[in-house]
């Protein structure tokens, strides 16, 4: 009885170990040279971010089709890399390319600046006479702060 229990346990354990060895994923790892770079799988909601050294690691389901990875970070050009995750490990190493945008000049001052708007009309009084409205008004600049 002990032998039967021991053999059954051993076969069950071997089956579990064999099942655990079934790997349907490819590991994609690498370095992009910058921290906090977003790496997302195109047309999905899945992705990872690089660490403080620029290293990243992610798992992709094994397939023979190309999978697009989008590398993006503020201040750097977006980079699209296509991989075929049909092996155990895929390594991707490159440096993100910096980009810049020319913006219009902005004036900065420590003092409060008063701006004058277009002329306004101030109504003092009105009178209705023979089905007509007569308005007493003055044209002036209003001060906006």
N, C-alpha and C. Protein backbone atom coordinates (compact mmCIF):
# COMPACT_ATOMS: atom_id res chain seq x y z
N UNK A 1 0.83 -1.19 0.00
CA UNK A 1 0.00 0.00 0.00
C UNK A 1 0.87 1.25 0.00
N UNK A 2 1.95 1.21 0.77
CA UNK A 2 2.87 2.35 0.81
C UNK A 2 3.51 2.58 -0.56
N UNK A 3 3.87 1.47 -1.23
CA UNK A 3 4.50 1.60 -2.55
C UNK A 3 3.54 2.23 -3.55
N UNK A 4 2.29 1.82 -3.51
CA UNK A 4 1.30 2.36 -4.43
C UNK A 4 1.10 3.86 -4.19
N UNK A 5 1.03 4.26 -2.93
CA UNK A 5 0.89 5.68 -2.59
C UNK A 5 2.12 6.46 -3.03
N UNK A 6 3.30 5.92 -2.82
CA UNK A 6 4.55 6.59 -3.19
C UNK A 6 4.65 6.75 -4.71
N UNK A 7 4.32 5.69 -5.45
CA UNK A 7 4.39 5.75 -6.91
C UNK A 7 3.35 6.74 -7.45
N UNK A 8 2.15 6.73 -6.90
CA UNK A 8 1.11 7.67 -7.34
C UNK A 8 1.53 9.12 -7.07
N UNK A 9 2.08 9.37 -5.90
CA UNK A 9 2.54 10.72 -5.56
C UNK A 9 3.66 11.17 -6.48
N UNK A 10 4.58 10.27 -6.78
CA UNK A 10 5.71 10.59 -7.65
C UNK A 10 5.22 10.92 -9.07
N UNK A 11 4.30 10.13 -9.60
CA UNK A 11 3.76 10.40 -10.94
C UNK A 11 3.00 11.73 -10.97
N UNK A 12 2.24 12.00 -9.92
CA UNK A 12 1.51 13.26 -9.85
C UNK A 12 2.47 14.45 -9.80
N UNK A 13 3.52 14.34 -9.02
CA UNK A 13 4.53 15.39 -8.90
C UNK A 13 5.24 15.62 -10.23
N UNK A 14 5.59 14.54 -10.93
CA UNK A 14 6.25 14.68 -12.24
C UNK A 14 5.33 15.36 -13.24
N UNK A 15 4.04 15.05 -13.19
CA UNK A 15 3.08 15.70 -14.09
C UNK A 15 2.98 17.18 -13.82
N UNK A 16 2.98 17.57 -12.55
CA UNK A 16 2.92 19.00 -12.19
C UNK A 16 4.17 19.72 -12.65
N UNK A 17 5.33 19.11 -12.44
CA UNK A 17 6.59 19.73 -12.86
C UNK A 17 6.62 19.88 -14.38
N UNK A 18 6.18 18.86 -15.10
CA UNK A 18 6.16 18.93 -16.56
C UNK A 18 5.20 20.01 -17.04
N UNK A 19 4.05 20.13 -16.38
CA UNK A 19 3.08 21.15 -16.74
C UNK A 19 3.64 22.55 -16.49
N UNK A 20 4.40 22.72 -15.41
CA UNK A 20 4.99 24.01 -15.08
C UNK A 20 6.06 24.41 -16.07
N UNK A 21 6.68 23.44 -16.74
CA UNK A 21 7.72 23.73 -17.72
C UNK A 21 7.16 24.23 -19.04
N UNK A 22 5.86 24.07 -19.26
CA UNK A 22 5.23 24.51 -20.51
C UNK A 22 5.26 26.04 -20.56
N UNK A 23 6.05 26.59 -21.46
CA UNK A 23 6.24 28.04 -21.52
C UNK A 23 5.67 28.56 -22.83
N UNK A 24 4.57 29.29 -22.75
CA UNK A 24 3.95 29.85 -23.95
C UNK A 24 4.26 31.33 -24.11
N UNK A 25 5.29 31.81 -23.43
CA UNK A 25 5.62 33.23 -23.47
C UNK A 25 7.07 33.44 -23.85
N UNK A 26 7.32 34.54 -24.55
CA UNK A 26 8.68 35.00 -24.82
C UNK A 26 8.96 36.16 -23.89
N UNK A 27 10.18 36.23 -23.39
CA UNK A 27 10.58 37.32 -22.52
C UNK A 27 11.31 38.36 -23.37
N UNK A 28 10.82 39.59 -23.32
CA UNK A 28 11.47 40.70 -24.02
C UNK A 28 12.12 41.58 -22.97
N UNK A 29 13.43 41.78 -23.09
CA UNK A 29 14.13 42.62 -22.12
C UNK A 29 15.14 43.48 -22.85
N UNK A 30 15.61 44.50 -22.17
CA UNK A 30 16.59 45.37 -22.79
C UNK A 30 16.80 46.65 -22.02
N UNK A 31 17.44 47.60 -22.69
CA UNK A 31 17.77 48.88 -22.09
C UNK A 31 17.52 49.97 -23.14
N UNK A 32 16.85 51.05 -22.70
CA UNK A 32 16.56 52.16 -23.61
C UNK A 32 17.34 53.42 -23.25
N UNK A 33 18.15 53.35 -22.22
CA UNK A 33 19.02 54.46 -21.88
C UNK A 33 18.39 55.57 -21.06
N UNK A 34 17.09 55.53 -20.83
CA UNK A 34 16.40 56.57 -20.05
C UNK A 34 15.43 55.93 -19.08
N UNK A 35 15.19 56.61 -17.97
CA UNK A 35 14.24 56.08 -16.99
C UNK A 35 12.82 56.51 -17.35
N UNK A 36 11.85 55.74 -16.88
CA UNK A 36 10.42 56.01 -17.05
C UNK A 36 9.96 56.07 -18.51
N UNK A 37 10.58 55.29 -19.36
CA UNK A 37 10.11 55.17 -20.75
C UNK A 37 8.95 54.18 -20.76
N UNK A 38 7.85 54.54 -21.41
CA UNK A 38 6.69 53.66 -21.51
C UNK A 38 6.87 52.73 -22.70
N UNK A 39 6.73 51.43 -22.46
CA UNK A 39 6.81 50.43 -23.51
C UNK A 39 5.44 49.76 -23.58
N UNK A 40 4.71 49.98 -24.67
CA UNK A 40 3.37 49.42 -24.77
C UNK A 40 3.27 48.54 -26.01
N UNK A 41 2.41 47.52 -25.90
CA UNK A 41 2.16 46.63 -27.02
C UNK A 41 1.08 47.28 -27.87
N UNK A 42 1.36 47.46 -29.16
CA UNK A 42 0.44 48.14 -30.07
C UNK A 42 -0.90 47.40 -30.10
N UNK A 43 -1.99 48.16 -30.12
CA UNK A 43 -3.37 47.67 -30.20
C UNK A 43 -3.80 46.87 -28.97
N UNK A 44 -3.13 47.08 -27.84
CA UNK A 44 -3.55 46.47 -26.57
C UNK A 44 -3.44 47.53 -25.48
N UNK A 45 -3.88 47.18 -24.29
CA UNK A 45 -3.75 48.07 -23.14
C UNK A 45 -2.62 47.64 -22.23
N UNK A 46 -1.71 46.80 -22.71
CA UNK A 46 -0.66 46.25 -21.88
C UNK A 46 0.67 46.92 -22.17
N UNK A 47 1.49 47.03 -21.14
CA UNK A 47 2.81 47.61 -21.30
C UNK A 47 3.54 47.68 -19.98
N UNK A 48 4.77 48.15 -20.02
CA UNK A 48 5.61 48.32 -18.83
C UNK A 48 6.35 49.64 -18.95
N UNK A 49 7.08 49.99 -17.91
CA UNK A 49 7.94 51.19 -17.91
C UNK A 49 9.35 50.78 -17.55
N UNK A 50 10.31 51.52 -18.07
CA UNK A 50 11.70 51.23 -17.74
C UNK A 50 12.02 51.74 -16.33
N UNK A 51 13.01 51.11 -15.70
CA UNK A 51 13.39 51.50 -14.35
C UNK A 51 14.36 52.68 -14.38
N UNK A 52 14.96 53.00 -13.24
CA UNK A 52 15.86 54.16 -13.15
C UNK A 52 17.11 54.02 -14.01
N UNK A 53 17.48 52.78 -14.36
CA UNK A 53 18.66 52.56 -15.22
C UNK A 53 18.29 52.45 -16.69
N UNK A 54 17.00 52.48 -17.01
CA UNK A 54 16.55 52.33 -18.39
C UNK A 54 16.27 50.89 -18.77
N UNK A 55 16.38 49.95 -17.81
CA UNK A 55 16.13 48.53 -18.09
C UNK A 55 14.64 48.23 -18.03
N UNK A 56 14.21 47.27 -18.84
CA UNK A 56 12.82 46.83 -18.81
C UNK A 56 12.77 45.33 -19.10
N UNK A 57 11.67 44.71 -18.70
CA UNK A 57 11.42 43.30 -18.97
C UNK A 57 9.92 43.10 -19.07
N UNK A 58 9.49 42.33 -20.07
CA UNK A 58 8.07 42.06 -20.25
C UNK A 58 7.89 40.72 -20.93
N UNK A 59 6.71 40.14 -20.79
CA UNK A 59 6.39 38.86 -21.40
C UNK A 59 5.39 39.07 -22.53
N UNK A 60 5.64 38.38 -23.65
CA UNK A 60 4.73 38.42 -24.80
C UNK A 60 4.30 36.99 -25.12
N UNK A 61 3.04 36.78 -25.46
CA UNK A 61 2.62 35.43 -25.87
C UNK A 61 3.39 35.00 -27.12
N UNK A 62 3.81 33.73 -27.15
CA UNK A 62 4.55 33.23 -28.31
C UNK A 62 3.65 33.21 -29.54
N UNK A 63 4.20 33.68 -30.63
CA UNK A 63 3.49 33.68 -31.91
C UNK A 63 4.52 33.83 -33.03
N UNK A 64 4.13 33.48 -34.23
CA UNK A 64 5.00 33.68 -35.39
C UNK A 64 4.69 34.98 -36.12
N UNK A 65 3.74 35.74 -35.58
CA UNK A 65 3.37 37.03 -36.18
C UNK A 65 4.16 38.15 -35.52
N UNK A 66 4.34 39.25 -36.26
CA UNK A 66 5.04 40.40 -35.70
C UNK A 66 4.17 41.12 -34.68
N UNK A 67 4.82 41.56 -33.62
CA UNK A 67 4.16 42.33 -32.57
C UNK A 67 4.88 43.67 -32.49
N UNK A 68 4.11 44.76 -32.48
CA UNK A 68 4.70 46.10 -32.41
C UNK A 68 4.82 46.58 -30.98
N UNK A 69 5.99 47.09 -30.63
CA UNK A 69 6.22 47.68 -29.31
C UNK A 69 6.49 49.17 -29.52
N UNK A 70 5.74 50.01 -28.80
CA UNK A 70 5.90 51.45 -28.90
C UNK A 70 6.63 51.96 -27.67
N UNK A 71 7.78 52.59 -27.88
CA UNK A 71 8.58 53.18 -26.82
C UNK A 71 8.32 54.68 -26.84
N UNK A 72 7.82 55.24 -25.73
CA UNK A 72 7.50 56.67 -25.70
C UNK A 72 7.86 57.27 -24.36
N UNK A 73 8.27 58.54 -24.41
CA UNK A 73 8.64 59.28 -23.21
C UNK A 73 8.58 60.77 -23.55
N UNK A 74 8.16 61.58 -22.60
CA UNK A 74 8.08 63.02 -22.83
C UNK A 74 9.49 63.56 -23.06
N UNK A 75 9.66 64.35 -24.11
CA UNK A 75 10.95 64.92 -24.44
C UNK A 75 11.77 64.06 -25.38
N UNK A 76 11.20 62.90 -25.80
CA UNK A 76 11.91 61.99 -26.70
C UNK A 76 10.98 61.57 -27.83
N UNK A 77 11.57 61.23 -28.97
CA UNK A 77 10.77 60.77 -30.11
C UNK A 77 10.21 59.38 -29.82
N UNK A 78 8.96 59.15 -30.23
CA UNK A 78 8.37 57.82 -30.12
C UNK A 78 9.11 56.89 -31.08
N UNK A 79 9.34 55.66 -30.62
CA UNK A 79 10.05 54.67 -31.43
C UNK A 79 9.20 53.41 -31.50
N UNK A 80 8.99 52.90 -32.70
CA UNK A 80 8.23 51.68 -32.91
C UNK A 80 9.19 50.56 -33.29
N UNK A 81 9.15 49.45 -32.54
CA UNK A 81 10.01 48.30 -32.80
C UNK A 81 9.11 47.10 -33.03
N UNK A 82 9.34 46.36 -34.12
CA UNK A 82 8.58 45.14 -34.39
C UNK A 82 9.42 43.94 -34.01
N UNK A 83 8.81 43.00 -33.28
CA UNK A 83 9.49 41.77 -32.88
C UNK A 83 8.59 40.59 -33.22
N UNK A 84 9.21 39.42 -33.41
CA UNK A 84 8.47 38.17 -33.58
C UNK A 84 8.78 37.33 -32.35
N UNK A 85 7.84 37.23 -31.41
CA UNK A 85 8.11 36.52 -30.15
C UNK A 85 7.97 35.00 -30.29
N UNK A 86 8.93 34.39 -31.02
CA UNK A 86 8.89 32.94 -31.22
C UNK A 86 10.08 32.24 -30.55
N UNK A 87 10.83 32.94 -29.69
CA UNK A 87 11.94 32.33 -28.95
C UNK A 87 11.75 32.63 -27.47
N UNK A 88 12.63 32.06 -26.66
CA UNK A 88 12.52 32.24 -25.21
C UNK A 88 12.80 33.68 -24.80
N UNK A 89 13.89 34.27 -25.33
CA UNK A 89 14.30 35.61 -24.91
C UNK A 89 14.60 36.47 -26.13
N UNK A 90 14.11 37.69 -26.10
CA UNK A 90 14.40 38.68 -27.14
C UNK A 90 15.00 39.89 -26.44
N UNK A 91 16.13 40.36 -26.92
CA UNK A 91 16.79 41.51 -26.29
C UNK A 91 16.74 42.71 -27.23
N UNK A 92 16.33 43.85 -26.67
CA UNK A 92 16.24 45.10 -27.43
C UNK A 92 17.02 46.16 -26.67
N UNK A 93 18.04 46.72 -27.28
CA UNK A 93 18.84 47.78 -26.66
C UNK A 93 19.00 48.93 -27.66
N UNK A 94 18.66 50.12 -27.24
CA UNK A 94 18.88 51.31 -28.06
C UNK A 94 18.76 52.53 -27.16
N UNK A 95 19.11 53.69 -27.68
CA UNK A 95 19.01 54.96 -26.95
C UNK A 95 17.84 55.75 -27.52
N UNK A 96 17.02 56.30 -26.63
CA UNK A 96 15.91 57.16 -27.06
C UNK A 96 16.50 58.45 -27.64
N UNK A 97 15.90 58.95 -28.71
CA UNK A 97 16.38 60.17 -29.37
C UNK A 97 15.60 61.36 -28.84
N UNK A 98 16.33 62.38 -28.37
CA UNK A 98 15.68 63.57 -27.82
C UNK A 98 14.98 64.36 -28.92
N UNK A 99 13.92 65.06 -28.52
CA UNK A 99 13.20 65.93 -29.44
C UNK A 99 12.84 67.21 -28.70
N UNK A 100 12.55 68.25 -29.46
CA UNK A 100 12.17 69.52 -28.83
C UNK A 100 11.11 70.19 -29.69
N UNK A 101 10.37 71.10 -29.08
CA UNK A 101 9.32 71.83 -29.76
C UNK A 101 9.58 73.32 -29.57
N UNK A 102 9.45 74.09 -30.64
CA UNK A 102 9.59 75.54 -30.56
C UNK A 102 8.24 76.13 -30.18
N UNK A 103 8.20 76.84 -29.08
CA UNK A 103 6.97 77.48 -28.61
C UNK A 103 7.10 78.98 -28.74
N UNK A 104 5.97 79.67 -28.72
CA UNK A 104 5.99 81.12 -28.77
C UNK A 104 6.55 81.68 -27.47
N UNK A 105 7.10 82.89 -27.55
CA UNK A 105 7.68 83.52 -26.37
C UNK A 105 6.58 83.89 -25.38
N UNK A 106 6.93 83.83 -24.12
CA UNK A 106 5.99 84.17 -23.05
C UNK A 106 6.65 85.22 -22.17
N UNK A 107 5.94 86.32 -21.91
CA UNK A 107 6.47 87.36 -21.04
C UNK A 107 6.17 87.05 -19.58
N UNK A 108 7.17 87.18 -18.74
CA UNK A 108 7.01 86.92 -17.32
C UNK A 108 7.42 88.17 -16.56
N UNK A 109 6.58 88.61 -15.63
CA UNK A 109 6.86 89.81 -14.86
C UNK A 109 6.47 89.59 -13.41
N UNK A 110 7.19 90.24 -12.51
CA UNK A 110 6.86 90.14 -11.09
C UNK A 110 5.76 91.10 -10.70
N UNK A 111 5.54 92.15 -11.50
CA UNK A 111 4.52 93.15 -11.21
C UNK A 111 3.20 92.77 -11.86
N UNK A 112 2.11 93.24 -11.25
CA UNK A 112 0.80 93.02 -11.82
C UNK A 112 0.60 94.01 -12.97
N UNK A 113 0.24 93.50 -14.12
CA UNK A 113 0.07 94.34 -15.31
C UNK A 113 -1.42 94.59 -15.50
N UNK A 114 -1.78 95.87 -15.72
CA UNK A 114 -3.17 96.23 -15.96
C UNK A 114 -3.40 96.32 -17.46
N UNK A 115 -4.46 95.66 -17.91
CA UNK A 115 -4.81 95.65 -19.32
C UNK A 115 -6.08 96.45 -19.52
N UNK A 116 -6.10 97.29 -20.56
CA UNK A 116 -7.29 98.05 -20.90
C UNK A 116 -8.02 97.34 -22.03
N UNK A 117 -9.32 97.21 -21.88
CA UNK A 117 -10.11 96.55 -22.90
C UNK A 117 -10.58 97.57 -23.93
N UNK A 118 -11.32 97.09 -24.89
CA UNK A 118 -11.91 97.96 -25.90
C UNK A 118 -12.89 98.93 -25.23
N UNK A 119 -13.20 100.06 -25.88
CA UNK A 119 -14.12 101.02 -25.26
C UNK A 119 -15.47 100.39 -24.93
N UNK A 120 -15.94 100.70 -23.75
CA UNK A 120 -17.26 100.25 -23.31
C UNK A 120 -18.21 101.44 -23.32
N UNK A 121 -19.47 101.13 -23.27
CA UNK A 121 -20.49 102.17 -23.17
C UNK A 121 -21.16 102.03 -21.82
N UNK A 122 -21.24 103.14 -21.11
CA UNK A 122 -21.88 103.16 -19.81
C UNK A 122 -23.22 103.85 -19.96
N UNK A 123 -24.29 103.18 -19.53
CA UNK A 123 -25.63 103.74 -19.66
C UNK A 123 -25.98 104.48 -18.37
N UNK A 124 -26.31 105.78 -18.52
CA UNK A 124 -26.69 106.60 -17.37
C UNK A 124 -28.19 106.59 -17.12
N UNK A 125 -28.95 106.70 -18.22
CA UNK A 125 -30.39 106.84 -18.07
C UNK A 125 -31.05 106.46 -19.38
N UNK A 126 -32.32 106.12 -19.34
CA UNK A 126 -33.07 105.88 -20.56
C UNK A 126 -34.48 106.42 -20.40
N UNK A 127 -35.11 106.70 -21.53
CA UNK A 127 -36.46 107.28 -21.55
C UNK A 127 -37.19 106.67 -22.73
N UNK A 128 -38.46 106.34 -22.55
CA UNK A 128 -39.29 105.83 -23.64
C UNK A 128 -40.22 106.96 -24.07
N UNK A 129 -40.19 107.31 -25.35
CA UNK A 129 -40.98 108.40 -25.88
C UNK A 129 -41.48 108.01 -27.26
N UNK A 130 -42.77 108.01 -27.51
CA UNK A 130 -43.40 107.63 -28.77
C UNK A 130 -42.92 106.25 -29.24
N UNK A 131 -42.97 105.27 -28.38
CA UNK A 131 -42.56 103.89 -28.66
C UNK A 131 -41.10 103.78 -29.10
N UNK A 132 -40.30 104.71 -28.69
CA UNK A 132 -38.86 104.67 -28.96
C UNK A 132 -38.12 104.77 -27.64
N UNK A 133 -36.95 104.16 -27.60
CA UNK A 133 -36.12 104.19 -26.39
C UNK A 133 -34.96 105.13 -26.65
N UNK A 134 -34.80 106.11 -25.77
CA UNK A 134 -33.67 107.03 -25.82
C UNK A 134 -32.74 106.68 -24.66
N UNK A 135 -31.47 106.49 -24.97
CA UNK A 135 -30.49 106.08 -23.96
C UNK A 135 -29.45 107.16 -23.82
N UNK A 136 -29.19 107.55 -22.59
CA UNK A 136 -28.11 108.49 -22.28
C UNK A 136 -26.91 107.64 -21.87
N UNK A 137 -25.86 107.72 -22.68
CA UNK A 137 -24.70 106.87 -22.41
C UNK A 137 -23.41 107.64 -22.62
N UNK A 138 -22.33 107.04 -22.12
CA UNK A 138 -21.01 107.63 -22.24
C UNK A 138 -20.06 106.53 -22.71
N UNK A 139 -19.15 106.89 -23.60
CA UNK A 139 -18.14 105.96 -24.08
C UNK A 139 -16.90 106.13 -23.21
N UNK A 140 -16.33 104.99 -22.73
CA UNK A 140 -15.14 105.09 -21.89
C UNK A 140 -14.39 103.77 -21.86
N UNK A 141 -13.16 103.80 -21.33
CA UNK A 141 -12.36 102.59 -21.17
C UNK A 141 -12.64 101.98 -19.81
N UNK A 142 -12.86 100.70 -19.81
CA UNK A 142 -13.00 100.02 -18.52
C UNK A 142 -11.68 99.35 -18.19
N UNK A 143 -11.39 99.28 -16.95
CA UNK A 143 -10.12 98.73 -16.49
C UNK A 143 -10.32 97.28 -16.06
N UNK A 144 -9.55 96.37 -16.66
CA UNK A 144 -9.60 94.96 -16.28
C UNK A 144 -8.30 94.60 -15.58
N UNK A 145 -8.42 93.80 -14.56
CA UNK A 145 -7.22 93.34 -13.86
C UNK A 145 -7.06 91.86 -14.03
